[in-house]
Amino acid sequence: MKKDDLPKKLAVFPLSNFIIFPKTSVPLNIFEPRYIDMINDSMKTNKLIGIIQPKISKENIYDFSPPLHQIGCMGKITTFKETEDSRFIIELKGIIRFEVIKEIQSNKKYRECEINFSNFFEDLENKKEDIKFSDLELIFKDLKSLFEKRGFIINWKALEKQSLDETINALAMASPFTIEEKQILLEAKSLANRKTKISEILTTYSFDQYNNTTIQ
C-alpha cells in the first residue's frame, strides 16, 4: 500500500489484550452484531479496519465504548468466510500503525476515528533491520520459559524460519504480557526498539511466580 492510498478515517475494532503488527496476519472470529456491520461495510469498500486496545479500568470495565489508546494498527481483510450461524471468520494482515486524532460521531453501531499515519510510514517499507537470531538467544530463552510456564505452546522451529521482524512481532502478539506491556511493544518505533522493550519487560517477570500455573 502507498502513502497516497491511506484513509483519513477508519472503523476501529477495540480488542483488549490483543495487538496486531504490520506484516503479520491473524485470524479473527466476528460474531457481535456491531462488528458484523463493520466487516460488511469494510468488505464493500477498502477492506481496511483498525485494531486498537481500549483503556480498561475498574471504572469503565462495563462501558460499551471505553476510551481508546492513541496508537493502533490498520489491517486489511485478506480472507473472508461466513459460517452457517452467521459469524464471520476473517484473516487480517497488519499494514501500518496509526495515531488516533479524534473519534468521529456517527449513527453507525461501531466506532470510527480520524487517524494519522505520519509517524509510522516506515511500516510500509520492506527494509530488513540488522538484527541476527544469535543476538536474540537470551530473549528467546526467557520468553520460552515464560510461555511454557503459562501453558503456551509455541512452534519455535517454525518461527525461526520466518523473517526476524515477523518472528519478534508474532512473539509480541502472542505473549502473556499485560495490556500495558503489549501497548508499549506496539508503540516501539523500530524492530530493534521492540527487541529491547521485550527484554526490559522480561526482566520485570519473576519466573518463579509461574511455577504453580495450571496448564488449561
Protein backbone atom coordinates (compact mmCIF):
# COMPACT_ATOMS: atom_id res chain seq x y z
CA MET A 1 0.00 0.00 0.00
CA LYS A 2 1.21 3.52 -0.88
CA LYS A 3 1.04 6.62 1.32
CA ASP A 4 -1.46 8.23 -1.05
CA ASP A 5 -3.87 5.30 -0.63
CA LEU A 6 -4.07 5.58 3.16
CA PRO A 7 -7.51 6.56 4.50
CA LYS A 8 -8.22 9.66 6.62
CA LYS A 9 -10.78 7.84 8.76
CA LEU A 10 -11.04 4.23 9.86
CA ALA A 11 -13.50 1.87 11.50
CA VAL A 12 -11.84 0.66 14.70
CA PHE A 13 -12.21 -2.66 16.50
CA PRO A 14 -11.28 -2.26 20.20
CA LEU A 15 -9.76 -5.55 21.38
CA SER A 16 -8.44 -5.83 24.91
CA ASN A 17 -5.06 -7.54 25.40
CA PHE A 18 -4.71 -8.04 21.66
CA ILE A 19 -2.39 -6.33 19.19
CA ILE A 20 -1.51 -6.80 15.55
CA PHE A 21 1.72 -5.61 13.93
CA PRO A 22 2.48 -4.63 10.35
CA LYS A 23 3.45 -7.61 8.15
CA THR A 24 1.76 -10.14 10.48
CA SER A 25 -1.56 -11.92 9.93
CA VAL A 26 -4.14 -13.02 12.48
CA PRO A 27 -7.46 -14.89 12.26
CA LEU A 28 -10.50 -13.23 13.86
CA ASN A 29 -13.89 -14.69 14.73
CA ILE A 30 -16.52 -11.95 14.34
CA PHE A 31 -19.90 -12.50 16.00
CA GLU A 32 -21.09 -9.27 17.67
CA PRO A 33 -23.75 -7.52 15.51
CA ARG A 34 -21.93 -4.16 15.52
CA TYR A 35 -18.71 -5.77 14.26
CA ILE A 36 -20.60 -7.87 11.72
CA ASP A 37 -21.82 -4.48 10.40
CA MET A 38 -18.27 -3.14 10.46
CA ILE A 39 -16.85 -6.05 8.45
CA ASN A 40 -19.76 -5.90 5.99
CA ASP A 41 -19.12 -2.19 5.36
CA SER A 42 -15.37 -2.73 5.11
CA MET A 43 -15.77 -5.55 2.56
CA LYS A 44 -17.86 -3.20 0.38
CA THR A 45 -15.17 -0.52 0.38
CA ASN A 46 -11.42 -0.83 1.06
CA LYS A 47 -11.34 -3.96 3.30
CA LEU A 48 -9.46 -1.94 5.95
CA ILE A 49 -10.14 -1.85 9.70
CA GLY A 50 -8.13 -0.67 12.70
CA ILE A 51 -7.25 -2.87 15.67
CA ILE A 52 -6.75 -0.85 18.85
CA GLN A 53 -6.65 -1.59 22.56
CA PRO A 54 -9.27 0.00 24.82
CA LYS A 55 -8.16 1.57 28.11
CA ILE A 56 -9.88 -0.70 30.61
CA SER A 57 -10.16 0.34 34.27
CA LYS A 58 -12.33 -0.61 37.23
CA GLU A 59 -14.45 2.44 36.49
CA ASN A 60 -15.19 1.62 32.84
CA ILE A 61 -14.98 -2.19 32.77
CA TYR A 62 -18.64 -2.41 31.72
CA ASP A 63 -18.55 0.64 29.46
CA PHE A 64 -19.90 -0.08 25.96
CA SER A 65 -17.44 2.45 24.48
CA PRO A 66 -14.35 2.69 26.72
CA PRO A 67 -11.58 5.23 25.94
CA LEU A 68 -9.05 4.05 23.36
CA HIS A 69 -5.26 4.04 23.31
CA GLN A 70 -3.73 6.57 20.93
CA ILE A 71 -1.84 4.03 18.80
CA GLY A 72 -3.33 1.08 16.91
CA CYS A 73 -2.60 -0.86 13.73
CA MET A 74 -4.57 -0.87 10.49
CA GLY A 75 -5.14 -4.23 8.87
CA LYS A 76 -6.54 -5.43 5.55
CA ILE A 77 -9.02 -8.30 5.35
CA THR A 78 -7.30 -10.91 3.19
CA THR A 79 -9.72 -13.82 3.63
CA PHE A 80 -13.42 -13.81 4.49
CA LYS A 81 -15.79 -16.65 5.26
CA GLU A 82 -19.36 -16.61 6.58
CA THR A 83 -20.39 -19.55 8.79
CA GLU A 84 -23.77 -21.25 8.91
CA ASP A 85 -24.55 -19.49 12.21
CA SER A 86 -23.86 -16.05 10.62
CA ARG A 87 -20.42 -15.47 12.13
CA PHE A 88 -17.55 -14.12 10.02
CA ILE A 89 -14.14 -15.78 10.04
CA ILE A 90 -11.57 -13.37 8.64
CA GLU A 91 -7.81 -13.17 8.24
CA LEU A 92 -6.41 -9.71 8.89
CA LYS A 93 -2.97 -8.64 7.69
CA GLY A 94 -1.30 -5.75 9.51
CA ILE A 95 -0.34 -2.88 7.19
CA ILE A 96 0.68 0.21 9.17
CA ARG A 97 0.27 1.64 12.67
CA PHE A 98 -1.79 4.78 13.18
CA GLU A 99 -2.42 7.52 15.73
CA VAL A 100 -5.96 8.47 16.67
CA ILE A 101 -6.68 12.17 16.13
CA LYS A 102 -10.27 12.09 17.32
CA GLU A 103 -13.30 9.83 17.38
CA ILE A 104 -15.96 10.52 14.76
CA GLN A 105 -19.56 10.73 15.93
CA SER A 106 -21.95 8.86 13.64
CA ASN A 107 -25.10 6.77 13.69
CA LYS A 108 -23.15 3.59 13.00
CA LYS A 109 -23.10 0.86 15.64
CA TYR A 110 -19.32 0.56 15.52
CA ARG A 111 -16.69 3.22 16.23
CA GLU A 112 -14.80 5.29 13.68
CA CYS A 113 -11.80 7.56 14.15
CA GLU A 114 -9.97 10.26 12.27
CA ILE A 115 -6.41 8.96 12.08
CA ASN A 116 -2.85 9.95 11.17
CA PHE A 117 -0.11 7.65 9.83
CA SER A 118 2.77 10.14 9.56
CA ASN A 119 4.84 8.71 12.43
CA PHE A 120 4.72 5.19 11.01
CA PHE A 121 5.41 5.42 7.25
CA GLU A 122 8.40 3.10 7.79
CA ASP A 123 5.88 0.28 8.39
CA LEU A 124 5.16 0.34 4.64
CA GLU A 125 8.80 -0.28 3.72
CA ASN A 126 10.37 -3.71 3.21
CA LYS A 127 13.83 -2.91 4.52
CA LYS A 128 15.50 -5.52 6.72
CA GLU A 129 16.84 -4.43 10.08
CA ASP A 130 20.27 -5.61 11.12
CA ILE A 131 19.47 -7.97 13.98
CA LYS A 132 20.57 -11.58 14.00
CA PHE A 133 18.90 -14.54 15.66
CA SER A 134 22.08 -15.06 17.65
CA ASP A 135 21.50 -11.62 19.22
CA LEU A 136 18.14 -12.81 20.47
CA GLU A 137 19.01 -16.17 22.01
CA LEU A 138 18.75 -14.97 25.61
CA ILE A 139 15.45 -13.16 24.97
CA PHE A 140 14.02 -16.22 23.24
CA LYS A 141 15.22 -18.43 26.10
CA ASP A 142 13.49 -16.24 28.69
CA LEU A 143 10.37 -15.88 26.53
CA LYS A 144 10.25 -19.63 26.00
CA SER A 145 10.44 -20.16 29.77
CA LEU A 146 7.64 -17.65 30.36
CA PHE A 147 5.44 -19.11 27.61
CA GLU A 148 5.87 -22.67 28.87
CA LYS A 149 5.20 -21.73 32.50
CA ARG A 150 1.96 -20.09 31.37
CA GLY A 151 0.92 -23.14 29.36
CA PHE A 152 1.54 -21.58 25.94
CA ILE A 153 2.82 -23.86 23.19
CA ILE A 154 4.96 -22.19 20.52
CA ASN A 155 6.46 -23.89 17.46
CA TRP A 156 9.89 -22.29 17.84
CA LYS A 157 11.44 -24.16 14.89
CA ALA A 158 8.74 -22.78 12.56
CA LEU A 159 9.24 -19.28 13.96
CA GLU A 160 12.95 -19.32 13.22
CA LYS A 161 12.21 -19.96 9.53
CA GLN A 162 10.32 -16.67 9.31
CA SER A 163 11.92 -13.28 8.84
CA LEU A 164 13.20 -11.76 12.06
CA ASP A 165 10.62 -8.97 12.19
CA GLU A 166 7.79 -11.48 11.68
CA THR A 167 9.19 -13.62 14.50
CA ILE A 168 9.60 -10.79 17.01
CA ASN A 169 6.17 -9.37 16.16
CA ALA A 170 4.49 -12.78 16.36
CA LEU A 171 6.00 -13.39 19.79
CA ALA A 172 5.00 -9.91 20.97
CA MET A 173 1.42 -10.50 19.76
CA ALA A 174 1.11 -13.93 21.36
CA SER A 175 2.96 -13.13 24.58
CA PRO A 176 1.30 -13.46 28.01
CA PHE A 177 2.20 -9.84 28.75
CA THR A 178 -0.24 -7.29 30.21
CA ILE A 179 -2.34 -4.90 28.12
CA GLU A 180 0.03 -2.04 29.01
CA GLU A 181 3.11 -4.07 28.09
CA LYS A 182 1.65 -5.07 24.73
CA GLN A 183 0.83 -1.44 24.03
CA ILE A 184 4.46 -0.49 24.76
CA LEU A 185 5.60 -3.10 22.21
CA LEU A 186 3.13 -1.82 19.60
CA GLU A 187 4.35 1.76 20.05
CA ALA A 188 8.07 0.82 19.87
CA LYS A 189 9.29 2.68 16.78
CA SER A 190 11.62 0.07 15.29
CA LEU A 191 12.27 -3.66 15.46
CA ALA A 192 15.47 -3.08 17.46
CA ASN A 193 13.44 -0.93 19.84
CA ARG A 194 10.83 -3.68 20.18
CA LYS A 195 13.52 -6.28 20.90
CA THR A 196 14.89 -4.06 23.68
CA LYS A 197 11.41 -3.49 25.14
CA ILE A 198 10.70 -7.26 25.18
CA SER A 199 13.97 -7.76 27.03
CA GLU A 200 13.12 -4.99 29.53
CA ILE A 201 9.64 -6.39 30.16
CA LEU A 202 11.02 -9.89 30.69
CA THR A 203 13.42 -8.63 33.38
CA THR A 204 10.40 -7.49 35.43
CA TYR A 205 8.95 -11.01 35.50
CA SER A 206 9.90 -13.38 38.27
CA PHE A 207 9.68 -16.75 36.56
CA ASP A 208 9.15 -18.47 39.89
CA GLN A 209 5.70 -16.90 40.19
CA TYR A 210 4.55 -19.06 37.27
CA ASN A 211 5.78 -22.37 38.67
CA ASN A 212 2.36 -23.31 40.00
CA THR A 213 0.37 -22.23 36.95
CA THR A 214 -2.03 -24.90 35.79
CA ILE A 215 -1.98 -25.55 32.06
CA GLN A 216 -5.56 -25.22 30.83
